[in-house]
Amino acid sequence: MGKTLAFISAAAVGLAPLAAARTDPAAVQAWARLRSVSEALKSELYIYLARTGTYRTANPDLELLARTQRIVTDAADLTVHIADLAPVQ
């Protein structure tokens, strides 16, 4: 089992440059930005749930709405990459 995993790891490392060479840099950049947006939204949600930081206000719900709308608005140019996505049922 250990030798098999070592072989698979070595093969993956060896094939990584080939996969990277065929990947469109713009697509990689878009993916990285989408991932950053996802992480920013997740971070806001956890801070909101903990009621810490900027969410120690009289109306944390409005603060969450405002902050998440800002994040989504800043990433509006990325919607072309997610237009065909649908949640898994």
PDB file of N, CA and C in Angstrom:
ATOM      1  N   MET A   1       0.822  -1.190   0.000  1.00  0.00           N
ATOM      2  CA  MET A   1       0.000   0.000   0.000  1.00  0.00           C
ATOM      3  C   MET A   1       0.866   1.254   0.000  1.00  0.00           C
ATOM      4  N   GLY A   2       1.906   1.293   0.811  1.00  0.00           N
ATOM      5  CA  GLY A   2       2.778   2.460   0.897  1.00  0.00           C
ATOM      6  C   GLY A   2       3.509   2.732  -0.400  1.00  0.00           C
ATOM      7  N   LYS A   3       3.974   1.655  -1.074  1.00  0.00           N
ATOM      8  CA  LYS A   3       4.681   1.834  -2.340  1.00  0.00           C
ATOM      9  C   LYS A   3       3.734   2.353  -3.415  1.00  0.00           C
ATOM     10  N   THR A   4       2.490   1.890  -3.378  1.00  0.00           N
ATOM     11  CA  THR A   4       1.506   2.347  -4.364  1.00  0.00           C
ATOM     12  C   THR A   4       1.238   3.836  -4.188  1.00  0.00           C
ATOM     13  N   LEU A   5       1.047   4.265  -2.947  1.00  0.00           N
ATOM     14  CA  LEU A   5       0.808   5.683  -2.689  1.00  0.00           C
ATOM     15  C   LEU A   5       2.013   6.529  -3.062  1.00  0.00           C
ATOM     16  N   ALA A   6       3.205   6.020  -2.803  1.00  0.00           N
ATOM     17  CA  ALA A   6       4.418   6.742  -3.177  1.00  0.00           C
ATOM     18  C   ALA A   6       4.507   6.891  -4.692  1.00  0.00           C
ATOM     19  N   PHE A   7       4.172   5.833  -5.423  1.00  0.00           N
ATOM     20  CA  PHE A   7       4.196   5.895  -6.880  1.00  0.00           C
ATOM     21  C   PHE A   7       3.177   6.906  -7.414  1.00  0.00           C
ATOM     22  N   ILE A   8       1.976   6.869  -6.858  1.00  0.00           N
ATOM     23  CA  ILE A   8       0.928   7.803  -7.296  1.00  0.00           C
ATOM     24  C   ILE A   8       1.351   9.240  -7.003  1.00  0.00           C
ATOM     25  N   SER A   9       1.951   9.468  -5.849  1.00  0.00           N
ATOM     26  CA  SER A   9       2.422  10.811  -5.499  1.00  0.00           C
ATOM     27  C   SER A   9       3.504  11.275  -6.464  1.00  0.00           C
ATOM     28  N   ALA A  10       4.441  10.398  -6.759  1.00  0.00           N
ATOM     29  CA  ALA A  10       5.517  10.744  -7.686  1.00  0.00           C
ATOM     30  C   ALA A  10       4.964  11.029  -9.079  1.00  0.00           C
ATOM     31  N   ALA A  11       3.997  10.244  -9.506  1.00  0.00           N
ATOM     32  CA  ALA A  11       3.394  10.457 -10.819  1.00  0.00           C
ATOM     33  C   ALA A  11       2.661  11.795 -10.858  1.00  0.00           C
ATOM     34  N   ALA A  12       1.951  12.113  -9.795  1.00  0.00           N
ATOM     35  CA  ALA A  12       1.222  13.386  -9.748  1.00  0.00           C
ATOM     36  C   ALA A  12       2.180  14.562  -9.789  1.00  0.00           C
ATOM     37  N   VAL A  13       3.259  14.464  -9.050  1.00  0.00           N
ATOM     38  CA  VAL A  13       4.259  15.539  -9.048  1.00  0.00           C
ATOM     39  C   VAL A  13       4.896  15.669 -10.427  1.00  0.00           C
ATOM     40  N   GLY A  14       5.156  14.550 -11.053  1.00  0.00           N
ATOM     41  CA  GLY A  14       5.761  14.571 -12.381  1.00  0.00           C
ATOM     42  C   GLY A  14       4.838  15.121 -13.453  1.00  0.00           C
ATOM     43  N   LEU A  15       3.535  14.907 -13.300  1.00  0.00           N
ATOM     44  CA  LEU A  15       2.576  15.379 -14.299  1.00  0.00           C
ATOM     45  C   LEU A  15       2.102  16.806 -14.051  1.00  0.00           C
ATOM     46  N   ALA A  16       2.354  17.346 -12.900  1.00  0.00           N
ATOM     47  CA  ALA A  16       1.884  18.696 -12.565  1.00  0.00           C
ATOM     48  C   ALA A  16       2.374  19.757 -13.552  1.00  0.00           C
ATOM     49  N   PRO A  17       3.651  19.752 -13.940  1.00  0.00           N
ATOM     50  CA  PRO A  17       4.083  20.776 -14.904  1.00  0.00           C
ATOM     51  C   PRO A  17       3.360  20.657 -16.250  1.00  0.00           C
ATOM     52  N   LEU A  18       3.035  19.447 -16.666  1.00  0.00           N
ATOM     53  CA  LEU A  18       2.304  19.286 -17.917  1.00  0.00           C
ATOM     54  C   LEU A  18       0.905  19.872 -17.814  1.00  0.00           C
ATOM     55  N   ALA A  19       0.260  19.630 -16.718  1.00  0.00           N
ATOM     56  CA  ALA A  19      -1.081  20.183 -16.521  1.00  0.00           C
ATOM     57  C   ALA A  19      -1.027  21.702 -16.426  1.00  0.00           C
ATOM     58  N   ALA A  20      -0.029  22.218 -15.751  1.00  0.00           N
ATOM     59  CA  ALA A  20       0.099  23.667 -15.605  1.00  0.00           C
ATOM     60  C   ALA A  20       0.383  24.342 -16.943  1.00  0.00           C
ATOM     61  N   ALA A  21       1.152  23.696 -17.787  1.00  0.00           N
ATOM     62  CA  ALA A  21       1.482  24.272 -19.089  1.00  0.00           C
ATOM     63  C   ALA A  21       0.259  24.393 -19.975  1.00  0.00           C
ATOM     64  N   ARG A  22      -0.717  23.537 -19.776  1.00  0.00           N
ATOM     65  CA  ARG A  22      -1.916  23.555 -20.604  1.00  0.00           C
ATOM     66  C   ARG A  22      -3.060  24.363 -19.993  1.00  0.00           C
ATOM     67  N   THR A  23      -2.826  24.922 -18.841  1.00  0.00           N
ATOM     68  CA  THR A  23      -3.866  25.679 -18.154  1.00  0.00           C
ATOM     69  C   THR A  23      -3.767  27.147 -18.554  1.00  0.00           C
ATOM     70  N   ASP A  24      -4.898  27.726 -18.876  1.00  0.00           N
ATOM     71  CA  ASP A  24      -4.968  29.130 -19.253  1.00  0.00           C
ATOM     72  C   ASP A  24      -4.709  29.995 -18.019  1.00  0.00           C
ATOM     73  N   PRO A  25      -3.717  30.870 -18.058  1.00  0.00           N
ATOM     74  CA  PRO A  25      -3.421  31.712 -16.890  1.00  0.00           C
ATOM     75  C   PRO A  25      -4.615  32.556 -16.444  1.00  0.00           C
ATOM     76  N   ALA A  26      -5.429  33.018 -17.385  1.00  0.00           N
ATOM     77  CA  ALA A  26      -6.600  33.814 -17.018  1.00  0.00           C
ATOM     78  C   ALA A  26      -7.604  32.977 -16.232  1.00  0.00           C
ATOM     79  N   ALA A  27      -7.743  31.704 -16.613  1.00  0.00           N
ATOM     80  CA  ALA A  27      -8.661  30.819 -15.893  1.00  0.00           C
ATOM     81  C   ALA A  27      -8.160  30.555 -14.474  1.00  0.00           C
ATOM     82  N   VAL A  28      -6.863  30.402 -14.329  1.00  0.00           N
ATOM     83  CA  VAL A  28      -6.283  30.182 -12.998  1.00  0.00           C
ATOM     84  C   VAL A  28      -6.480  31.420 -12.135  1.00  0.00           C
ATOM     85  N   GLN A  29      -6.279  32.589 -12.716  1.00  0.00           N
ATOM     86  CA  GLN A  29      -6.469  33.832 -11.969  1.00  0.00           C
ATOM     87  C   GLN A  29      -7.930  34.004 -11.557  1.00  0.00           C
ATOM     88  N   ALA A  30      -8.853  33.695 -12.465  1.00  0.00           N
ATOM     89  CA  ALA A  30     -10.278  33.789 -12.134  1.00  0.00           C
ATOM     90  C   ALA A  30     -10.633  32.818 -11.020  1.00  0.00           C
ATOM     91  N   TRP A  31     -10.102  31.601 -11.092  1.00  0.00           N
ATOM     92  CA  TRP A  31     -10.371  30.615 -10.040  1.00  0.00           C
ATOM     93  C   TRP A  31      -9.847  31.120  -8.700  1.00  0.00           C
ATOM     94  N   ALA A  32      -8.659  31.686  -8.709  1.00  0.00           N
ATOM     95  CA  ALA A  32      -8.067  32.177  -7.460  1.00  0.00           C
ATOM     96  C   ALA A  32      -8.917  33.308  -6.869  1.00  0.00           C
ATOM     97  N   ARG A  33      -9.402  34.189  -7.714  1.00  0.00           N
ATOM     98  CA  ARG A  33     -10.260  35.283  -7.229  1.00  0.00           C
ATOM     99  C   ARG A  33     -11.580  34.742  -6.708  1.00  0.00           C
ATOM    100  N   LEU A  34     -12.179  33.772  -7.412  1.00  0.00           N
ATOM    101  CA  LEU A  34     -13.425  33.167  -6.939  1.00  0.00           C
ATOM    102  C   LEU A  34     -13.223  32.506  -5.586  1.00  0.00           C
ATOM    103  N   ARG A  35     -12.114  31.849  -5.435  1.00  0.00           N
ATOM    104  CA  ARG A  35     -11.791  31.195  -4.159  1.00  0.00           C
ATOM    105  C   ARG A  35     -11.636  32.240  -3.053  1.00  0.00           C
ATOM    106  N   SER A  36     -11.005  33.355  -3.375  1.00  0.00           N
ATOM    107  CA  SER A  36     -10.837  34.433  -2.395  1.00  0.00           C
ATOM    108  C   SER A  36     -12.181  35.012  -1.982  1.00  0.00           C
ATOM    109  N   VAL A  37     -13.082  35.185  -2.932  1.00  0.00           N
ATOM    110  CA  VAL A  37     -14.420  35.689  -2.627  1.00  0.00           C
ATOM    111  C   VAL A  37     -15.136  34.711  -1.704  1.00  0.00           C
ATOM    112  N   SER A  38     -15.030  33.435  -2.028  1.00  0.00           N
ATOM    113  CA  SER A  38     -15.658  32.405  -1.203  1.00  0.00           C
ATOM    114  C   SER A  38     -15.139  32.458   0.233  1.00  0.00           C
ATOM    115  N   GLU A  39     -13.838  32.564   0.379  1.00  0.00           N
ATOM    116  CA  GLU A  39     -13.243  32.616   1.713  1.00  0.00           C
ATOM    117  C   GLU A  39     -13.631  33.892   2.455  1.00  0.00           C
ATOM    118  N   ALA A  40     -13.720  35.010   1.739  1.00  0.00           N
ATOM    119  CA  ALA A  40     -14.117  36.266   2.380  1.00  0.00           C
ATOM    120  C   ALA A  40     -15.550  36.186   2.889  1.00  0.00           C
ATOM    121  N   LEU A  41     -16.443  35.597   2.084  1.00  0.00           N
ATOM    122  CA  LEU A  41     -17.832  35.437   2.520  1.00  0.00           C
ATOM    123  C   LEU A  41     -17.930  34.502   3.721  1.00  0.00           C
ATOM    124  N   LYS A  42     -17.160  33.431   3.687  1.00  0.00           N
ATOM    125  CA  LYS A  42     -17.167  32.490   4.814  1.00  0.00           C
ATOM    126  C   LYS A  42     -16.649  33.181   6.078  1.00  0.00           C
ATOM    127  N   SER A  43     -15.609  33.955   5.932  1.00  0.00           N
ATOM    128  CA  SER A  43     -15.048  34.671   7.072  1.00  0.00           C
ATOM    129  C   SER A  43     -16.065  35.635   7.678  1.00  0.00           C
ATOM    130  N   GLU A  44     -16.747  36.384   6.815  1.00  0.00           N
ATOM    131  CA  GLU A  44     -17.771  37.309   7.311  1.00  0.00           C
ATOM    132  C   GLU A  44     -18.865  36.562   8.074  1.00  0.00           C
ATOM    133  N   LEU A  45     -19.274  35.431   7.546  1.00  0.00           N
ATOM    134  CA  LEU A  45     -20.325  34.659   8.205  1.00  0.00           C
ATOM    135  C   LEU A  45     -19.893  34.180   9.590  1.00  0.00           C
ATOM    136  N   TYR A  46     -18.674  33.677   9.707  1.00  0.00           N
ATOM    137  CA  TYR A  46     -18.207  33.204  11.011  1.00  0.00           C
ATOM    138  C   TYR A  46     -18.066  34.350  12.014  1.00  0.00           C
ATOM    139  N   ILE A  47     -17.582  35.496  11.560  1.00  0.00           N
ATOM    140  CA  ILE A  47     -17.461  36.646  12.458  1.00  0.00           C
ATOM    141  C   ILE A  47     -18.846  37.113  12.892  1.00  0.00           C
ATOM    142  N   TYR A  48     -19.782  37.108  11.952  1.00  0.00           N
ATOM    143  CA  TYR A  48     -21.167  37.478  12.259  1.00  0.00           C
ATOM    144  C   TYR A  48     -21.772  36.521  13.292  1.00  0.00           C
ATOM    145  N   LEU A  49     -21.601  35.233  13.076  1.00  0.00           N
ATOM    146  CA  LEU A  49     -22.162  34.246  14.004  1.00  0.00           C
ATOM    147  C   LEU A  49     -21.573  34.370  15.406  1.00  0.00           C
ATOM    148  N   ALA A  50     -20.309  34.765  15.473  1.00  0.00           N
ATOM    149  CA  ALA A  50     -19.660  34.945  16.775  1.00  0.00           C
ATOM    150  C   ALA A  50     -19.988  36.308  17.389  1.00  0.00           C
ATOM    151  N   ARG A  51     -20.603  37.173  16.597  1.00  0.00           N
ATOM    152  CA  ARG A  51     -20.959  38.534  17.032  1.00  0.00           C
ATOM    153  C   ARG A  51     -19.737  39.276  17.583  1.00  0.00           C
ATOM    154  N   THR A  52     -18.653  39.210  16.837  1.00  0.00           N
ATOM    155  CA  THR A  52     -17.437  39.915  17.225  1.00  0.00           C
ATOM    156  C   THR A  52     -17.095  40.950  16.160  1.00  0.00           C
ATOM    157  N   GLY A  53     -16.076  41.727  16.431  1.00  0.00           N
ATOM    158  CA  GLY A  53     -15.607  42.708  15.457  1.00  0.00           C
ATOM    159  C   GLY A  53     -16.690  43.703  15.087  1.00  0.00           C
ATOM    160  N   THR A  54     -16.880  43.890  13.794  1.00  0.00           N
ATOM    161  CA  THR A  54     -17.850  44.878  13.311  1.00  0.00           C
ATOM    162  C   THR A  54     -19.294  44.454  13.555  1.00  0.00           C
ATOM    163  N   TYR A  55     -19.492  43.235  14.010  1.00  0.00           N
ATOM    164  CA  TYR A  55     -20.853  42.744  14.240  1.00  0.00           C
ATOM    165  C   TYR A  55     -21.323  42.951  15.673  1.00  0.00           C
ATOM    166  N   ARG A  56     -20.596  43.740  16.430  1.00  0.00           N
ATOM    167  CA  ARG A  56     -21.028  44.133  17.781  1.00  0.00           C
ATOM    168  C   ARG A  56     -21.811  45.435  17.679  1.00  0.00           C
ATOM    169  N   THR A  57     -22.806  45.437  16.844  1.00  0.00           N
ATOM    170  CA  THR A  57     -23.615  46.635  16.628  1.00  0.00           C
ATOM    171  C   THR A  57     -25.051  46.341  17.034  1.00  0.00           C
ATOM    172  N   ALA A  58     -25.859  47.378  16.965  1.00  0.00           N
ATOM    173  CA  ALA A  58     -27.275  47.217  17.304  1.00  0.00           C
ATOM    174  C   ALA A  58     -27.989  46.357  16.268  1.00  0.00           C
ATOM    175  N   ASN A  59     -27.494  46.374  15.026  1.00  0.00           N
ATOM    176  CA  ASN A  59     -28.135  45.599  13.972  1.00  0.00           C
ATOM    177  C   ASN A  59     -27.086  44.836  13.153  1.00  0.00           C
ATOM    178  N   PRO A  60     -26.616  43.704  13.672  1.00  0.00           N
ATOM    179  CA  PRO A  60     -25.580  42.945  12.958  1.00  0.00           C
ATOM    180  C   PRO A  60     -26.060  42.377  11.628  1.00  0.00           C
ATOM    181  N   ASP A  61     -27.374  42.162  11.493  1.00  0.00           N
ATOM    182  CA  ASP A  61     -27.901  41.630  10.233  1.00  0.00           C
ATOM    183  C   ASP A  61     -27.662  42.601   9.080  1.00  0.00           C
ATOM    184  N   LEU A  62     -27.920  43.878   9.318  1.00  0.00           N
ATOM    185  CA  LEU A  62     -27.679  44.889   8.283  1.00  0.00           C
ATOM    186  C   LEU A  62     -26.198  45.021   7.970  1.00  0.00           C
ATOM    187  N   GLU A  63     -25.367  44.895   8.990  1.00  0.00           N
ATOM    188  CA  GLU A  63     -23.915  44.960   8.780  1.00  0.00           C
ATOM    189  C   GLU A  63     -23.453  43.798   7.904  1.00  0.00           C
ATOM    190  N   LEU A  64     -23.960  42.602   8.174  1.00  0.00           N
ATOM    191  CA  LEU A  64     -23.613  41.435   7.351  1.00  0.00           C
ATOM    192  C   LEU A  64     -24.062  41.646   5.909  1.00  0.00           C
ATOM    193  N   LEU A  65     -25.262  42.116   5.735  1.00  0.00           N
ATOM    194  CA  LEU A  65     -25.777  42.367   4.389  1.00  0.00           C
ATOM    195  C   LEU A  65     -24.898  43.369   3.647  1.00  0.00           C
ATOM    196  N   ALA A  66     -24.552  44.459   4.293  1.00  0.00           N
ATOM    197  CA  ALA A  66     -23.732  45.490   3.656  1.00  0.00           C
ATOM    198  C   ALA A  66     -22.349  44.961   3.285  1.00  0.00           C
ATOM    199  N   ARG A  67     -21.730  44.251   4.211  1.00  0.00           N
ATOM    200  CA  ARG A  67     -20.366  43.765   3.959  1.00  0.00           C
ATOM    201  C   ARG A  67     -20.331  42.687   2.879  1.00  0.00           C
ATOM    202  N   THR A  68     -21.314  41.781   2.887  1.00  0.00           N
ATOM    203  CA  THR A  68     -21.320  40.736   1.861  1.00  0.00           C
ATOM    204  C   THR A  68     -21.679  41.310   0.500  1.00  0.00           C
ATOM    205  N   GLN A  69     -22.558  42.312   0.466  1.00  0.00           N
ATOM    206  CA  GLN A  69     -22.874  42.954  -0.809  1.00  0.00           C
ATOM    207  C   GLN A  69     -21.641  43.637  -1.393  1.00  0.00           C
ATOM    208  N   ARG A  70     -20.821  44.235  -0.549  1.00  0.00           N
ATOM    209  CA  ARG A  70     -19.578  44.861  -1.016  1.00  0.00           C
ATOM    210  C   ARG A  70     -18.648  43.829  -1.637  1.00  0.00           C
ATOM    211  N   ILE A  71     -18.523  42.678  -0.989  1.00  0.00           N
ATOM    212  CA  ILE A  71     -17.652  41.618  -1.508  1.00  0.00           C
ATOM    213  C   ILE A  71     -18.162  41.129  -2.852  1.00  0.00           C
ATOM    214  N   VAL A  72     -19.455  40.873  -2.943  1.00  0.00           N
ATOM    215  CA  VAL A  72     -20.051  40.366  -4.181  1.00  0.00           C
ATOM    216  C   VAL A  72     -19.956  41.412  -5.295  1.00  0.00           C
ATOM    217  N   THR A  73     -20.195  42.669  -4.971  1.00  0.00           N
ATOM    218  CA  THR A  73     -20.112  43.737  -5.970  1.00  0.00           C
ATOM    219  C   THR A  73     -18.694  43.870  -6.517  1.00  0.00           C
ATOM    220  N   ASP A  74     -17.710  43.778  -5.641  1.00  0.00           N
ATOM    221  CA  ASP A  74     -16.315  43.871  -6.078  1.00  0.00           C
ATOM    222  C   ASP A  74     -15.933  42.725  -7.015  1.00  0.00           C
ATOM    223  N   ALA A  75     -16.636  41.613  -6.923  1.00  0.00           N
ATOM    224  CA  ALA A  75     -16.332  40.438  -7.747  1.00  0.00           C
ATOM    225  C   ALA A  75     -17.343  40.240  -8.867  1.00  0.00           C
ATOM    226  N   ALA A  76     -18.111  41.263  -9.193  1.00  0.00           N
ATOM    227  CA  ALA A  76     -19.181  41.132 -10.191  1.00  0.00           C
ATOM    228  C   ALA A  76     -18.671  40.669 -11.551  1.00  0.00           C
ATOM    229  N   ASP A  77     -17.438  41.024 -11.885  1.00  0.00           N
ATOM    230  CA  ASP A  77     -16.891  40.612 -13.186  1.00  0.00           C
ATOM    231  C   ASP A  77     -16.663  39.108 -13.282  1.00  0.00           C
ATOM    232  N   LEU A  78     -16.726  38.411 -12.163  1.00  0.00           N
ATOM    233  CA  LEU A  78     -16.490  36.963 -12.159  1.00  0.00           C
ATOM    234  C   LEU A  78     -17.758  36.152 -12.406  1.00  0.00           C
ATOM    235  N   THR A  79     -18.913  36.801 -12.466  1.00  0.00           N
ATOM    236  CA  THR A  79     -20.166  36.045 -12.620  1.00  0.00           C
ATOM    237  C   THR A  79     -20.207  35.239 -13.911  1.00  0.00           C
ATOM    238  N   VAL A  80     -19.473  35.661 -14.906  1.00  0.00           N
ATOM    239  CA  VAL A  80     -19.439  34.904 -16.159  1.00  0.00           C
ATOM    240  C   VAL A  80     -18.894  33.488 -15.932  1.00  0.00           C
ATOM    241  N   HIS A  81     -18.059  33.321 -14.930  1.00  0.00           N
ATOM    242  CA  HIS A  81     -17.449  32.016 -14.652  1.00  0.00           C
ATOM    243  C   HIS A  81     -18.366  31.088 -13.852  1.00  0.00           C
ATOM    244  N   ILE A  82     -19.402  31.638 -13.247  1.00  0.00           N
ATOM    245  CA  ILE A  82     -20.272  30.809 -12.404  1.00  0.00           C
ATOM    246  C   ILE A  82     -21.713  30.761 -12.905  1.00  0.00           C
ATOM    247  N   ALA A  83     -21.960  31.339 -14.073  1.00  0.00           N
ATOM    248  CA  ALA A  83     -23.331  31.442 -14.594  1.00  0.00           C
ATOM    249  C   ALA A  83     -23.993  30.069 -14.773  1.00  0.00           C
ATOM    250  N   ASP A  84     -23.232  29.049 -15.145  1.00  0.00           N
ATOM    251  CA  ASP A  84     -23.800  27.732 -15.410  1.00  0.00           C
ATOM    252  C   ASP A  84     -23.777  26.806 -14.204  1.00  0.00           C
ATOM    253  N   LEU A  85     -23.314  27.282 -13.061  1.00  0.00           N
ATOM    254  CA  LEU A  85     -23.233  26.430 -11.881  1.00  0.00           C
ATOM    255  C   LEU A  85     -24.587  26.357 -11.183  1.00  0.00           C
ATOM    256  N   ALA A  86     -24.867  25.202 -10.631  1.00  0.00           N
ATOM    257  CA  ALA A  86     -26.095  25.007  -9.862  1.00  0.00           C
ATOM    258  C   ALA A  86     -25.751  24.240  -8.593  1.00  0.00           C
ATOM    259  N   PRO A  87     -26.447  24.513  -7.499  1.00  0.00           N
ATOM    260  CA  PRO A  87     -26.185  23.783  -6.256  1.00  0.00           C
ATOM    261  C   PRO A  87     -26.459  22.291  -6.427  1.00  0.00           C
ATOM    262  N   VAL A  88     -25.703  21.484  -5.723  1.00  0.00           N
ATOM    263  CA  VAL A  88     -25.901  20.048  -5.736  1.00  0.00           C
ATOM    264  C   VAL A  88     -27.082  19.734  -4.834  1.00  0.00           C
ATOM    265  N   GLN A  89     -27.987  18.903  -5.321  1.00  0.00           N
ATOM    266  CA  GLN A  89     -29.174  18.539  -4.544  1.00  0.00           C
ATOM    267  C   GLN A  89     -28.895  17.353  -3.676  1.00  0.00           C
TER     268      GLN A  89
END
